[in-house]
């Protein structure tokens, strides 16, 4: 992967920064994006001389965002090989309680924006290139209250499979990473709530929580030649929650009131 160039959206968030750092460890040059120039600049300062990193601060839903992002990578590093669609909205709720504003926000950030970025990037990515979507296990199985969030994550799987079919013959691979809940700034407000732990941690057979590094390691693998025959796949990084009917001993032993 040495010398390849990647775009990582949502680069200043918890998972985004971990992905940037992991790719940097592999010798990848990274163009990070996000809406907050201050956070992206702070990330660049933290990275220092450890890797080649530049950024473009832009609202991913803006009409000119794809061109600005792709041009930023080409100007900064002279090529483009990898796109990691990581930016998203964690706005969720039951369908009957989802307003048009909520729906439009989630669709715009998590489905329309990555679709348009992929479309723009395809003019520059050739054989050996890779697209990776950071989705969610909520896109794999039905989740009460998932609403628009679950819809767009499932939609990303459809886009992944379509791109794999369309561009695989050109040596461009597309895959989808589906993490379970990861503690970041976006999920921190929910993390210790009883309902959140019951519907996530107590259904997960692994004996620890998923970390941003777990997600970043899978992304780096999928972008590498080691995953050269992995295409169109949805890979859960979830400790087993999506494929088991596990229930924690605490939950099993709980008494009904």
Protein backbone atom coordinates (compact mmCIF):
# COMPACT_ATOMS: atom_id res chain seq x y z
CA UNK A 1 0.00 0.00 0.00
CA UNK A 2 3.06 2.23 0.18
CA UNK A 3 2.52 5.42 -1.81
CA UNK A 4 -1.18 4.92 -2.47
CA UNK A 5 -3.57 7.80 -1.86
CA UNK A 6 -6.85 7.58 0.05
CA UNK A 7 -9.79 9.83 0.75
CA UNK A 8 -11.36 9.33 4.19
CA UNK A 9 -14.61 11.17 4.88
CA UNK A 10 -15.52 12.04 8.45
CA UNK A 11 -11.80 11.93 9.13
CA UNK A 12 -11.84 13.95 12.34
CA UNK A 13 -14.26 11.61 14.17
CA UNK A 14 -13.27 8.69 16.35
CA UNK A 15 -13.49 5.97 13.71
CA UNK A 16 -12.30 8.32 10.99
CA UNK A 17 -9.11 9.26 12.82
CA UNK A 18 -8.36 5.62 13.58
CA UNK A 19 -8.74 4.78 9.87
CA UNK A 20 -6.47 7.67 8.88
CA UNK A 21 -3.81 6.54 11.33
CA UNK A 22 -4.00 2.89 10.30
CA UNK A 23 -3.71 3.72 6.61
CA UNK A 24 -0.82 6.01 7.43
CA UNK A 25 0.96 3.14 9.17
CA UNK A 26 0.74 1.25 5.86
CA UNK A 27 2.36 4.10 3.93
CA UNK A 28 -0.87 5.49 2.48
CA UNK A 29 -1.20 9.23 1.94
CA UNK A 30 -4.58 10.47 3.14
CA UNK A 31 -6.85 13.36 2.23
CA UNK A 32 -9.31 13.76 5.09
CA UNK A 33 -12.64 15.53 4.81
CA UNK A 34 -15.27 16.86 7.16
CA UNK A 35 -17.28 19.98 7.86
CA UNK A 36 -15.14 21.28 10.72
CA UNK A 37 -11.86 22.82 9.55
CA UNK A 38 -10.73 23.30 13.14
CA UNK A 39 -11.05 19.61 13.97
CA UNK A 40 -9.32 18.58 10.75
CA UNK A 41 -6.50 21.04 11.41
CA UNK A 42 -6.12 19.69 14.94
CA UNK A 43 -5.91 16.17 13.52
CA UNK A 44 -3.20 17.26 11.11
CA UNK A 45 -1.28 18.76 14.04
CA UNK A 46 -1.61 15.55 16.05
CA UNK A 47 -0.36 13.47 13.14
CA UNK A 48 2.62 15.76 12.65
CA UNK A 49 5.32 14.12 10.55
CA UNK A 50 4.07 10.59 11.21
CA UNK A 51 2.33 10.38 7.80
CA UNK A 52 1.34 12.37 4.74
CA UNK A 53 -2.01 13.97 5.53
CA UNK A 54 -3.93 16.91 4.15
CA UNK A 55 -7.57 17.89 4.40
CA UNK A 56 -10.48 19.61 2.69
CA UNK A 57 -13.16 21.10 4.93
CA UNK A 58 -16.48 20.82 3.14
CA UNK A 59 -20.09 19.85 3.77
CA UNK A 60 -20.33 16.44 2.11
CA UNK A 61 -23.89 17.18 1.00
CA UNK A 62 -22.95 20.34 -0.92
CA UNK A 63 -23.33 20.18 -4.70
CA UNK A 64 -19.65 20.86 -5.32
CA UNK A 65 -18.33 18.67 -2.48
CA UNK A 66 -17.33 15.62 -4.58
CA UNK A 67 -15.28 17.71 -6.99
CA UNK A 68 -13.60 19.67 -4.18
CA UNK A 69 -12.71 16.48 -2.32
CA UNK A 70 -11.35 14.57 -5.30
CA UNK A 71 -9.50 17.60 -6.64
CA UNK A 72 -8.02 18.07 -3.17
CA UNK A 73 -6.53 14.60 -3.23
CA UNK A 74 -5.17 14.98 -6.77
CA UNK A 75 -3.64 18.39 -6.05
CA UNK A 76 -2.12 17.29 -2.72
CA UNK A 77 -0.83 13.87 -3.72
CA UNK A 78 -1.12 13.50 -7.49
CA UNK A 79 -3.31 10.41 -7.64
CA UNK A 80 -6.23 8.56 -6.04
CA UNK A 81 -6.49 4.87 -5.19
CA UNK A 82 -8.85 4.45 -2.24
CA UNK A 83 -12.09 6.02 -1.01
CA UNK A 84 -13.34 5.29 2.50
CA UNK A 85 -16.90 6.55 2.97
CA UNK A 86 -16.99 6.95 6.72
CA UNK A 87 -19.01 10.13 7.33
CA UNK A 88 -22.55 9.59 8.52
CA UNK A 89 -25.43 10.73 10.68
CA UNK A 90 -26.48 8.85 13.82
CA UNK A 91 -30.00 10.29 13.68
CA UNK A 92 -32.43 7.46 14.30
CA UNK A 93 -35.90 6.75 15.60
CA UNK A 94 -39.05 4.76 14.78
CA UNK A 95 -40.49 5.31 11.30
CA UNK A 96 -43.65 6.92 12.66
CA UNK A 97 -41.53 9.42 14.61
CA UNK A 98 -39.12 10.24 11.77
CA UNK A 99 -39.73 13.70 10.34
CA UNK A 100 -38.96 14.69 6.76
CA UNK A 101 -36.08 16.78 8.07
CA UNK A 102 -34.58 13.77 9.86
CA UNK A 103 -35.06 11.60 6.79
CA UNK A 104 -33.50 14.13 4.43
CA UNK A 105 -30.50 14.64 6.72
CA UNK A 106 -29.68 10.95 7.00
CA UNK A 107 -30.28 10.23 3.31
CA UNK A 108 -28.20 13.23 2.31
CA UNK A 109 -25.18 12.53 4.50
CA UNK A 110 -25.11 8.74 4.49
CA UNK A 111 -26.34 7.73 1.03
CA UNK A 112 -26.51 10.58 -1.48
CA UNK A 113 -23.15 12.08 -0.51
CA UNK A 114 -21.13 8.83 -0.71
CA UNK A 115 -22.87 7.88 -3.96
CA UNK A 116 -21.85 11.19 -5.52
CA UNK A 117 -18.30 10.98 -4.15
CA UNK A 118 -17.85 7.50 -5.60
CA UNK A 119 -19.14 8.72 -8.94
CA UNK A 120 -16.60 11.54 -8.98
CA UNK A 121 -13.72 9.37 -7.79
CA UNK A 122 -14.26 6.67 -10.40
CA UNK A 123 -12.79 8.93 -13.07
CA UNK A 124 -9.45 8.78 -11.26
CA UNK A 125 -9.26 5.32 -9.67
CA UNK A 126 -7.82 2.50 -11.74
CA UNK A 127 -6.81 -1.13 -11.39
CA UNK A 128 -5.96 -1.98 -7.79
CA UNK A 129 -8.26 0.68 -6.41
CA UNK A 130 -10.68 0.14 -3.55
CA UNK A 131 -13.86 1.62 -2.14
CA UNK A 132 -14.93 0.88 1.44
CA UNK A 133 -18.17 1.90 3.11
CA UNK A 134 -18.33 2.16 6.90
CA UNK A 135 -21.84 0.99 7.60
CA UNK A 136 -23.40 -0.70 10.60
CA UNK A 137 -24.85 -3.98 11.74
CA UNK A 138 -28.11 -2.02 11.74
CA UNK A 139 -27.96 -2.30 7.97
CA UNK A 140 -27.80 -6.11 8.19
CA UNK A 141 -30.68 -6.86 10.53
CA UNK A 142 -33.85 -5.12 11.64
CA UNK A 143 -33.47 -2.94 14.71
CA UNK A 144 -36.39 -1.37 16.60
CA UNK A 145 -36.05 2.38 16.30
CA UNK A 146 -33.52 2.15 13.48
CA UNK A 147 -35.68 4.16 11.12
CA UNK A 148 -33.86 6.15 8.43
CA UNK A 149 -30.46 5.18 9.85
CA UNK A 150 -31.07 1.49 9.19
CA UNK A 151 -32.51 2.29 5.76
CA UNK A 152 -29.41 4.15 4.53
CA UNK A 153 -27.04 1.54 5.95
CA UNK A 154 -28.90 -1.16 4.04
CA UNK A 155 -28.81 1.12 1.00
CA UNK A 156 -25.04 1.33 1.27
CA UNK A 157 -24.90 -2.47 1.03
CA UNK A 158 -26.85 -2.24 -2.23
CA UNK A 159 -24.43 0.38 -3.55
CA UNK A 160 -21.46 -1.76 -2.48
CA UNK A 161 -22.76 -4.79 -4.36
CA UNK A 162 -23.65 -2.76 -7.44
CA UNK A 163 -20.22 -1.15 -7.63
CA UNK A 164 -18.54 -4.52 -7.10
CA UNK A 165 -20.43 -5.90 -10.07
CA UNK A 166 -19.89 -2.83 -12.24
CA UNK A 167 -16.19 -2.17 -11.62
CA UNK A 168 -14.72 -5.44 -10.40
CA UNK A 169 -13.74 -6.35 -13.96
CA UNK A 170 -11.64 -3.17 -14.01
CA UNK A 171 -9.73 -4.30 -10.92
CA UNK A 172 -11.60 -2.00 -8.55
CA UNK A 173 -12.99 -3.62 -5.42
CA UNK A 174 -15.85 -2.37 -3.23
CA UNK A 175 -16.68 -3.69 0.24
CA UNK A 176 -18.77 -2.78 3.26
CA UNK A 177 -17.64 -2.86 6.89
CA UNK A 178 -20.46 -3.24 9.40
CA UNK A 179 -19.33 -2.43 12.94
CA UNK A 180 -21.46 -2.94 15.96
CA UNK A 181 -21.77 0.09 18.23
CA UNK A 182 -18.42 1.73 18.96
CA UNK A 183 -17.89 4.28 21.69
CA UNK A 184 -17.13 7.60 20.02
CA UNK A 185 -18.25 11.18 20.42
CA UNK A 186 -21.31 10.31 18.30
CA UNK A 187 -22.48 7.45 20.57
CA UNK A 188 -21.16 8.61 23.93
CA UNK A 189 -24.46 10.12 25.07
CA UNK A 190 -26.18 6.74 24.71
CA UNK A 191 -23.41 4.45 25.90
CA UNK A 192 -24.32 3.97 29.55
CA UNK A 193 -28.10 4.06 29.15
CA UNK A 194 -29.72 0.81 30.22
CA UNK A 195 -31.69 0.29 26.99
CA UNK A 196 -28.54 0.80 24.91
CA UNK A 197 -26.54 -1.76 26.85
CA UNK A 198 -29.42 -4.24 26.82
CA UNK A 199 -29.84 -4.02 23.06
CA UNK A 200 -26.14 -4.10 22.25
CA UNK A 201 -23.67 -5.34 24.84
CA UNK A 202 -25.90 -7.99 26.38
CA UNK A 203 -26.52 -9.53 22.95
CA UNK A 204 -22.80 -9.71 22.02
CA UNK A 205 -20.90 -12.91 22.83
CA UNK A 206 -17.42 -11.34 22.72
CA UNK A 207 -16.05 -10.39 26.11
CA UNK A 208 -15.09 -6.81 25.25
CA UNK A 209 -16.40 -3.79 23.41
CA UNK A 210 -15.62 -3.02 19.77
CA UNK A 211 -12.96 -0.33 19.35
CA UNK A 212 -12.19 2.16 16.62
CA UNK A 213 -8.95 0.24 16.03
CA UNK A 214 -10.94 -2.93 15.29
CA UNK A 215 -12.79 -1.10 12.53
CA UNK A 216 -9.67 0.61 11.18
CA UNK A 217 -7.77 -2.67 10.95
CA UNK A 218 -10.53 -4.22 8.84
CA UNK A 219 -10.58 -1.19 6.55
CA UNK A 220 -6.82 -1.33 6.04
CA UNK A 221 -7.03 -5.04 5.21
CA UNK A 222 -9.80 -4.51 2.66
CA UNK A 223 -7.82 -1.72 0.99
CA UNK A 224 -4.70 -3.88 0.72
CA UNK A 225 -3.61 -6.46 -1.85
CA UNK A 226 -4.05 -9.10 0.86
CA UNK A 227 -7.79 -8.70 0.24
CA UNK A 228 -7.31 -8.71 -3.51
CA UNK A 229 -10.09 -11.26 -4.13
CA UNK A 230 -12.55 -9.80 -1.62
CA UNK A 231 -15.19 -7.85 -3.51
CA UNK A 232 -18.83 -6.95 -2.90
CA UNK A 233 -18.78 -8.26 0.66
CA UNK A 234 -20.44 -7.10 3.86
CA UNK A 235 -18.05 -7.86 6.70
CA UNK A 236 -19.33 -7.43 10.24
CA UNK A 237 -16.93 -6.28 12.94
CA UNK A 238 -19.36 -7.00 15.70
CA UNK A 239 -18.19 -9.66 18.14
CA UNK A 240 -20.85 -12.05 16.84
CA UNK A 241 -24.01 -10.04 17.51
CA UNK A 242 -25.31 -10.36 13.94
CA UNK A 243 -24.87 -14.13 13.62
CA UNK A 244 -25.79 -15.52 17.05
CA UNK A 245 -28.70 -15.59 19.44
CA UNK A 246 -26.46 -14.89 22.41
CA UNK A 247 -27.84 -13.41 25.60
CA UNK A 248 -25.55 -12.49 28.49
CA UNK A 249 -25.79 -14.42 31.78
CA UNK A 250 -26.88 -11.22 33.48
CA UNK A 251 -29.77 -10.83 31.05
CA UNK A 252 -30.74 -14.50 31.28
CA UNK A 253 -30.81 -14.36 35.05
CA UNK A 254 -32.76 -11.12 35.29
CA UNK A 255 -36.08 -11.45 37.06
CA UNK A 256 -39.25 -10.09 35.52
CA UNK A 257 -41.16 -7.59 37.62
